[in-house]
Amino acid sequence: MSRLQQYVEESKPLAKLGKPVDYIPALSKQPVDQFTVCILDESGNQFLSGNTKGKFTLQSISKIISFIYICEHLGIEKVLEYVDMEPTGDAFNSMVRLEITEVGKPFNPLINAGAIAVCSLLPGAKKEERKEGLWQFIERMMGEKVAINEEVYRSELATAYRNRAIAYYLKSKNFLKGDVEDAVDIYTQQCAIIVDVEILARIALIIVNDGVNPTSGERIFSKKIAKIAKALLITCGMYNDSGKFAAFVGIPAKSGVSGGILTMANHANMEGLHGKLGIATFGPSIDDVGNSIVGMSFLKRLSEGFHLTIF
């Protein structure tokens, strides 16, 4: 057995320690015994484990993609007028920091408040036009057409009371542009985009490769924005465990409450995989913070075993 597969097998039993997210009804039905991994290097070599074509939704992983997109269109200086780049220490759907700070600006684009503000900035005159531009950008990163899990989307939209409250508060403080319901709807749809670990690893590889798809050579976004995105992933990407993840795993990462984790590595050398790596895991059993328990366990083993930390 390879070391990579050994780390998978050692991590699998931990999936039983958590449970799927229960505040989004459509996600609460996921079987907890799933665990899939894809590691992709810049030459196209792969490590695959589990049902790597099994589908799940992006959820909060989508936030880093829409942030990259809007920075490319408006420039980072304009985006920073609406959202900051600092960790919060609060839950991803918290309103506390918005209310206790005098300004009321979202602390970063990887919490719900920041991501909804970002969705309100999308260019275009109408909601469908704004959404289509983002979808086309995501498709360039995914390598295939965007598809929405309608059950998850409808389930999230029907229970999006807190997100609506956040959005209306942002609007009252002039940190949300345009229509509140449009911003919430686009945000909810982007969270419900369907992926698998192979697609997720492809997206991660483009980010770690400074915005260039290594397969096609196409530059999708600038090196400057890629650098900012990777810094955000290190400081804010794993909810309230971002600091621990940085200390003990030490690679840029973004998780979602569906159980996916997007991460990446520079200058790796592991069992036939070399150079920059896009890494994706999926295990729907999450901890109290919102991170996949089995995914976190695997990534810690991976980083320690192959010295991936950037620190």
Protein backbone atom coordinates (compact mmCIF):
# COMPACT_ATOMS: atom_id res chain seq x y z
CA MET A 1 0.00 0.00 0.00
CA SER A 2 1.30 3.46 -0.90
CA ARG A 3 1.78 6.05 1.82
CA LEU A 4 -0.95 8.16 0.27
CA GLN A 5 -3.46 5.33 0.43
CA GLN A 6 -2.25 4.50 3.94
CA TYR A 7 -3.13 8.05 5.04
CA VAL A 8 -6.58 7.63 3.47
CA GLU A 9 -7.20 4.36 5.34
CA GLU A 10 -5.94 5.79 8.63
CA SER A 11 -8.28 8.78 8.32
CA LYS A 12 -11.48 7.00 7.21
CA PRO A 13 -12.66 5.82 10.67
CA LEU A 14 -12.77 9.44 11.88
CA ALA A 15 -15.70 10.19 9.55
CA LYS A 16 -18.00 8.61 12.14
CA LEU A 17 -17.11 11.23 14.74
CA GLY A 18 -19.18 14.02 13.19
CA LYS A 19 -22.35 14.36 11.16
CA PRO A 20 -23.53 16.12 8.00
CA VAL A 21 -24.64 19.71 8.40
CA ASP A 22 -28.23 19.76 9.64
CA TYR A 23 -29.30 23.39 9.19
CA ILE A 24 -29.44 22.91 5.40
CA PRO A 25 -32.08 20.18 5.07
CA ALA A 26 -30.88 18.84 1.71
CA LEU A 27 -27.34 18.33 3.01
CA SER A 28 -28.35 16.47 6.16
CA LYS A 29 -29.14 13.33 4.11
CA GLN A 30 -25.55 12.61 3.01
CA PRO A 31 -24.08 9.22 4.08
CA VAL A 32 -21.22 9.81 6.52
CA ASP A 33 -19.03 6.94 5.32
CA GLN A 34 -17.93 8.69 2.11
CA PHE A 35 -14.33 9.80 1.69
CA THR A 36 -12.76 10.72 -1.65
CA VAL A 37 -9.43 12.30 -2.55
CA CYS A 38 -7.88 13.73 -5.70
CA ILE A 39 -4.34 15.10 -5.88
CA LEU A 40 -3.34 16.56 -9.25
CA ASP A 41 0.10 17.84 -10.26
CA GLU A 42 0.99 20.37 -12.95
CA SER A 43 1.97 17.61 -15.40
CA GLY A 44 -1.43 15.93 -15.15
CA ASN A 45 -0.41 13.06 -12.85
CA GLN A 46 -3.08 12.07 -10.32
CA PHE A 47 -3.66 10.23 -7.10
CA LEU A 48 -7.28 9.15 -6.75
CA SER A 49 -9.04 7.37 -3.91
CA GLY A 50 -12.72 6.57 -3.44
CA ASN A 51 -15.59 7.47 -5.75
CA THR A 52 -13.92 10.54 -7.21
CA LYS A 53 -16.88 11.20 -9.54
CA GLY A 54 -19.24 11.44 -6.57
CA LYS A 55 -20.91 14.84 -6.61
CA PHE A 56 -21.28 17.44 -3.88
CA THR A 57 -21.85 21.21 -3.72
CA LEU A 58 -19.20 23.88 -3.39
CA GLN A 59 -20.79 25.74 -0.49
CA SER A 60 -18.24 28.15 1.06
CA ILE A 61 -15.48 27.03 -1.29
CA SER A 62 -17.28 29.11 -3.92
CA LYS A 63 -16.44 32.27 -1.94
CA ILE A 64 -12.79 32.32 -2.95
CA ILE A 65 -13.73 31.91 -6.63
CA SER A 66 -16.22 34.78 -6.69
CA PHE A 67 -13.72 36.94 -4.78
CA ILE A 68 -11.02 36.25 -7.40
CA TYR A 69 -13.50 37.01 -10.19
CA ILE A 70 -14.64 40.35 -8.79
CA CYS A 71 -11.06 41.43 -8.04
CA GLU A 72 -10.16 40.76 -11.66
CA HIS A 73 -13.06 42.91 -12.86
CA LEU A 74 -13.01 45.80 -10.38
CA GLY A 75 -9.48 45.73 -9.00
CA ILE A 76 -8.58 44.87 -5.42
CA GLU A 77 -8.70 48.50 -4.26
CA LYS A 78 -12.37 48.85 -5.27
CA VAL A 79 -13.33 45.51 -3.71
CA LEU A 80 -11.67 46.53 -0.44
CA GLU A 81 -14.10 49.42 -0.18
CA TYR A 82 -16.81 46.81 0.50
CA VAL A 83 -14.97 43.99 2.28
CA ASP A 84 -11.80 43.73 4.37
CA MET A 85 -9.22 40.92 4.55
CA GLU A 86 -8.94 40.16 8.28
CA PRO A 87 -9.85 37.01 10.29
CA THR A 88 -12.87 37.38 12.58
CA GLY A 89 -12.66 34.69 15.24
CA ASP A 90 -16.45 34.33 14.86
CA ALA A 91 -18.68 31.82 13.11
CA PHE A 92 -18.89 32.20 9.32
CA ASN A 93 -22.55 33.29 9.53
CA SER A 94 -22.13 35.62 12.51
CA MET A 95 -23.36 39.23 12.53
CA VAL A 96 -21.51 40.16 15.72
CA ARG A 97 -18.51 41.89 14.14
CA LEU A 98 -20.72 43.86 11.77
CA GLU A 99 -22.61 45.38 14.67
CA ILE A 100 -19.81 46.03 17.18
CA THR A 101 -17.50 47.79 14.73
CA GLU A 102 -18.31 51.39 13.95
CA VAL A 103 -18.02 50.98 10.20
CA GLY A 104 -19.88 47.68 9.76
CA LYS A 105 -17.73 46.42 6.87
CA PRO A 106 -17.40 42.60 6.50
CA PHE A 107 -14.05 41.43 7.86
CA ASN A 108 -13.20 39.18 4.89
CA PRO A 109 -14.78 37.68 1.75
CA LEU A 110 -14.73 34.11 3.11
CA ILE A 111 -17.44 34.70 5.71
CA ASN A 112 -21.08 34.94 4.62
CA ALA A 113 -21.26 38.71 5.03
CA GLY A 114 -18.21 39.27 2.85
CA ALA A 115 -19.28 36.77 0.21
CA ILE A 116 -22.76 38.32 -0.07
CA ALA A 117 -21.18 41.76 -0.42
CA VAL A 118 -18.93 40.38 -3.19
CA CYS A 119 -21.97 38.94 -5.02
CA SER A 120 -23.61 42.36 -4.93
CA LEU A 121 -20.61 43.81 -6.83
CA LEU A 122 -20.84 41.47 -9.83
CA PRO A 123 -20.84 43.47 -13.09
CA GLY A 124 -23.97 43.62 -15.20
CA ALA A 125 -27.29 45.46 -15.42
CA LYS A 126 -29.56 42.53 -14.45
CA LYS A 127 -29.25 39.61 -12.06
CA GLU A 128 -29.04 36.98 -14.79
CA GLU A 129 -26.35 38.94 -16.60
CA ARG A 130 -24.30 39.31 -13.41
CA LYS A 131 -24.67 35.63 -12.60
CA GLU A 132 -23.77 34.55 -16.14
CA GLY A 133 -20.46 36.40 -16.03
CA LEU A 134 -19.50 34.63 -12.80
CA TRP A 135 -20.66 31.28 -14.17
CA GLN A 136 -18.49 31.67 -17.27
CA PHE A 137 -15.46 32.40 -15.08
CA ILE A 138 -16.15 29.37 -12.90
CA GLU A 139 -16.52 27.20 -16.00
CA ARG A 140 -13.04 28.23 -17.17
CA MET A 141 -11.65 27.01 -13.86
CA MET A 142 -13.76 23.84 -13.68
CA GLY A 143 -13.26 22.82 -17.29
CA GLU A 144 -16.97 22.10 -17.71
CA LYS A 145 -20.40 23.74 -17.56
CA VAL A 146 -21.80 24.95 -14.26
CA ALA A 147 -24.67 22.87 -12.91
CA ILE A 148 -26.73 23.69 -9.81
CA ASN A 149 -28.09 21.18 -7.32
CA GLU A 150 -31.63 22.55 -7.33
CA GLU A 151 -32.66 20.66 -4.19
CA VAL A 152 -29.75 22.12 -2.22
CA TYR A 153 -30.29 25.59 -3.68
CA ARG A 154 -34.01 25.63 -2.87
CA SER A 155 -33.35 24.17 0.57
CA GLU A 156 -30.76 26.83 1.41
CA LEU A 157 -32.79 29.71 -0.03
CA ALA A 158 -35.86 28.68 1.95
CA THR A 159 -33.89 28.78 5.21
CA ALA A 160 -31.64 31.78 4.44
CA TYR A 161 -33.08 33.99 7.18
CA ARG A 162 -29.74 34.87 8.73
CA ASN A 163 -28.12 35.57 5.35
CA ARG A 164 -30.98 37.90 4.48
CA ALA A 165 -30.58 39.67 7.82
CA ILE A 166 -26.84 40.05 7.16
CA ALA A 167 -27.51 41.37 3.65
CA TYR A 168 -30.07 43.94 4.78
CA TYR A 169 -27.71 45.11 7.51
CA LEU A 170 -24.92 45.50 4.93
CA LYS A 171 -27.29 47.46 2.71
CA SER A 172 -28.11 49.81 5.60
CA LYS A 173 -24.38 50.46 6.02
CA ASN A 174 -23.73 50.92 2.27
CA PHE A 175 -21.60 47.77 1.98
CA LEU A 176 -24.00 46.02 -0.37
CA LYS A 177 -24.58 47.32 -3.88
CA GLY A 178 -27.90 46.93 -5.69
CA ASP A 179 -30.78 44.68 -4.70
CA VAL A 180 -30.48 42.68 -1.46
CA GLU A 181 -32.53 39.69 -2.61
CA ASP A 182 -30.54 39.44 -5.86
CA ALA A 183 -27.26 39.30 -3.95
CA VAL A 184 -28.57 36.62 -1.57
CA ASP A 185 -29.97 34.58 -4.46
CA ILE A 186 -26.72 34.62 -6.47
CA TYR A 187 -24.74 33.78 -3.34
CA THR A 188 -27.05 30.85 -2.58
CA GLN A 189 -26.81 29.56 -6.13
CA GLN A 190 -23.00 29.71 -6.20
CA CYS A 191 -22.93 27.64 -2.99
CA ALA A 192 -25.08 24.98 -4.72
CA ILE A 193 -22.77 24.51 -7.74
CA ILE A 194 -22.06 20.81 -8.26
CA VAL A 195 -18.46 19.53 -8.29
CA ASP A 196 -16.43 16.41 -7.58
CA VAL A 197 -12.93 16.12 -6.13
CA GLU A 198 -11.30 16.03 -9.56
CA ILE A 199 -12.91 19.35 -10.50
CA LEU A 200 -12.00 20.81 -7.12
CA ALA A 201 -8.36 19.72 -7.44
CA ARG A 202 -8.25 21.36 -10.90
CA ILE A 203 -9.46 24.67 -9.42
CA ALA A 204 -6.91 24.42 -6.61
CA LEU A 205 -4.11 23.76 -9.10
CA ILE A 206 -4.97 26.91 -11.05
CA ILE A 207 -4.88 28.99 -7.86
CA VAL A 208 -1.54 27.58 -6.69
CA ASN A 209 -0.18 28.02 -10.23
CA ASP A 210 -0.77 31.78 -9.95
CA GLY A 211 -3.91 31.87 -12.09
CA VAL A 212 -2.64 29.81 -15.03
CA ASN A 213 -4.19 26.50 -16.08
CA PRO A 214 -1.06 24.30 -16.44
CA THR A 215 -2.81 21.95 -18.86
CA SER A 216 -3.81 24.58 -21.43
CA GLY A 217 -1.43 27.40 -20.54
CA GLU A 218 -4.40 29.79 -20.33
CA ARG A 219 -4.09 32.62 -17.83
CA ILE A 220 -7.45 32.87 -16.08
CA PHE A 221 -6.58 35.54 -13.52
CA SER A 222 -3.55 37.59 -12.54
CA LYS A 223 -0.62 36.51 -10.39
CA LYS A 224 -1.32 39.44 -8.06
CA ILE A 225 -4.86 38.25 -7.35
CA ALA A 226 -3.65 34.64 -6.95
CA LYS A 227 -1.19 35.79 -4.28
CA ILE A 228 -3.92 37.63 -2.39
CA ALA A 229 -6.25 34.63 -2.67
CA LYS A 230 -3.64 32.25 -1.24
CA ALA A 231 -3.00 34.60 1.68
CA LEU A 232 -6.74 34.71 2.42
CA LEU A 233 -6.96 30.92 2.28
CA ILE A 234 -4.17 30.62 4.86
CA THR A 235 -5.63 33.19 7.26
CA CYS A 236 -9.39 32.75 6.83
CA GLY A 237 -10.11 29.62 4.78
CA MET A 238 -10.95 27.03 7.46
CA TYR A 239 -13.54 28.92 9.49
CA ASN A 240 -12.56 29.23 13.18
CA ASP A 241 -9.90 26.54 12.80
CA SER A 242 -7.90 28.62 10.31
CA GLY A 243 -5.15 29.35 12.83
CA LYS A 244 -4.78 25.73 13.92
CA PHE A 245 -4.86 24.54 10.31
CA ALA A 246 -2.13 27.02 9.39
CA ALA A 247 -0.03 25.91 12.37
CA PHE A 248 -0.41 22.15 12.01
CA VAL A 249 -1.02 21.69 8.25
CA GLY A 250 0.36 24.94 6.87
CA ILE A 251 -1.04 25.08 3.34
CA PRO A 252 -3.71 27.36 1.79
CA ALA A 253 -7.16 25.77 2.04
CA LYS A 254 -10.90 26.45 1.87
CA SER A 255 -13.59 24.21 3.27
CA GLY A 256 -17.34 24.02 2.78
CA VAL A 257 -20.05 22.62 5.03
CA SER A 258 -20.97 20.02 2.42
CA GLY A 259 -17.69 18.33 3.40
CA GLY A 260 -15.35 19.44 0.63
CA ILE A 261 -11.90 20.91 1.19
CA LEU A 262 -9.87 22.62 -1.53
CA THR A 263 -6.17 22.94 -0.83
CA MET A 264 -2.82 23.08 -2.60
CA ALA A 265 0.93 22.70 -2.25
CA ASN A 266 4.07 24.19 -3.79
CA HIS A 267 7.19 22.24 -4.77
CA ALA A 268 5.90 18.85 -3.63
CA ASN A 269 7.45 15.47 -4.30
CA MET A 270 5.25 12.52 -3.39
CA GLU A 271 4.91 9.12 -5.04
CA GLY A 272 4.98 10.23 -8.67
CA LEU A 273 3.45 13.66 -8.06
CA HIS A 274 5.81 16.62 -8.44
CA GLY A 275 5.80 20.40 -8.34
CA LYS A 276 2.63 22.34 -7.66
CA LEU A 277 -0.35 20.29 -6.51
CA GLY A 278 -4.10 20.81 -6.46
CA ILE A 279 -5.55 18.76 -3.61
CA ALA A 280 -9.24 18.05 -2.94
CA THR A 281 -11.00 15.92 -0.38
CA PHE A 282 -14.65 15.18 0.33
CA GLY A 283 -16.14 13.71 3.49
CA PRO A 284 -19.57 15.04 4.55
CA SER A 285 -19.22 14.39 8.29
CA ILE A 286 -18.21 17.79 9.70
CA ASP A 287 -17.12 19.10 13.09
CA ASP A 288 -18.71 21.90 15.13
CA VAL A 289 -16.74 24.53 13.23
CA GLY A 290 -17.88 23.31 9.79
CA ASN A 291 -14.84 21.38 8.52
CA SER A 292 -14.77 17.79 7.29
CA ILE A 293 -13.29 15.67 10.10
CA VAL A 294 -11.89 12.97 7.82
CA GLY A 295 -10.57 15.55 5.36
CA MET A 296 -8.77 17.49 8.08
CA SER A 297 -7.21 14.28 9.42
CA PHE A 298 -5.97 13.24 5.98
CA LEU A 299 -4.50 16.65 5.16
CA LYS A 300 -2.63 16.80 8.46
CA ARG A 301 -1.09 13.39 7.76
CA LEU A 302 -0.31 14.41 4.18
CA SER A 303 1.41 17.65 5.14
CA GLU A 304 3.45 16.06 7.92
CA GLY A 305 4.39 13.00 5.87
CA PHE A 306 5.54 14.94 2.80
CA HIS A 307 6.64 18.23 4.44
CA LEU A 308 4.12 20.41 2.60
CA THR A 309 3.86 23.28 5.08
CA ILE A 310 4.80 26.70 3.76
CA PHE A 311 6.23 27.67 7.18
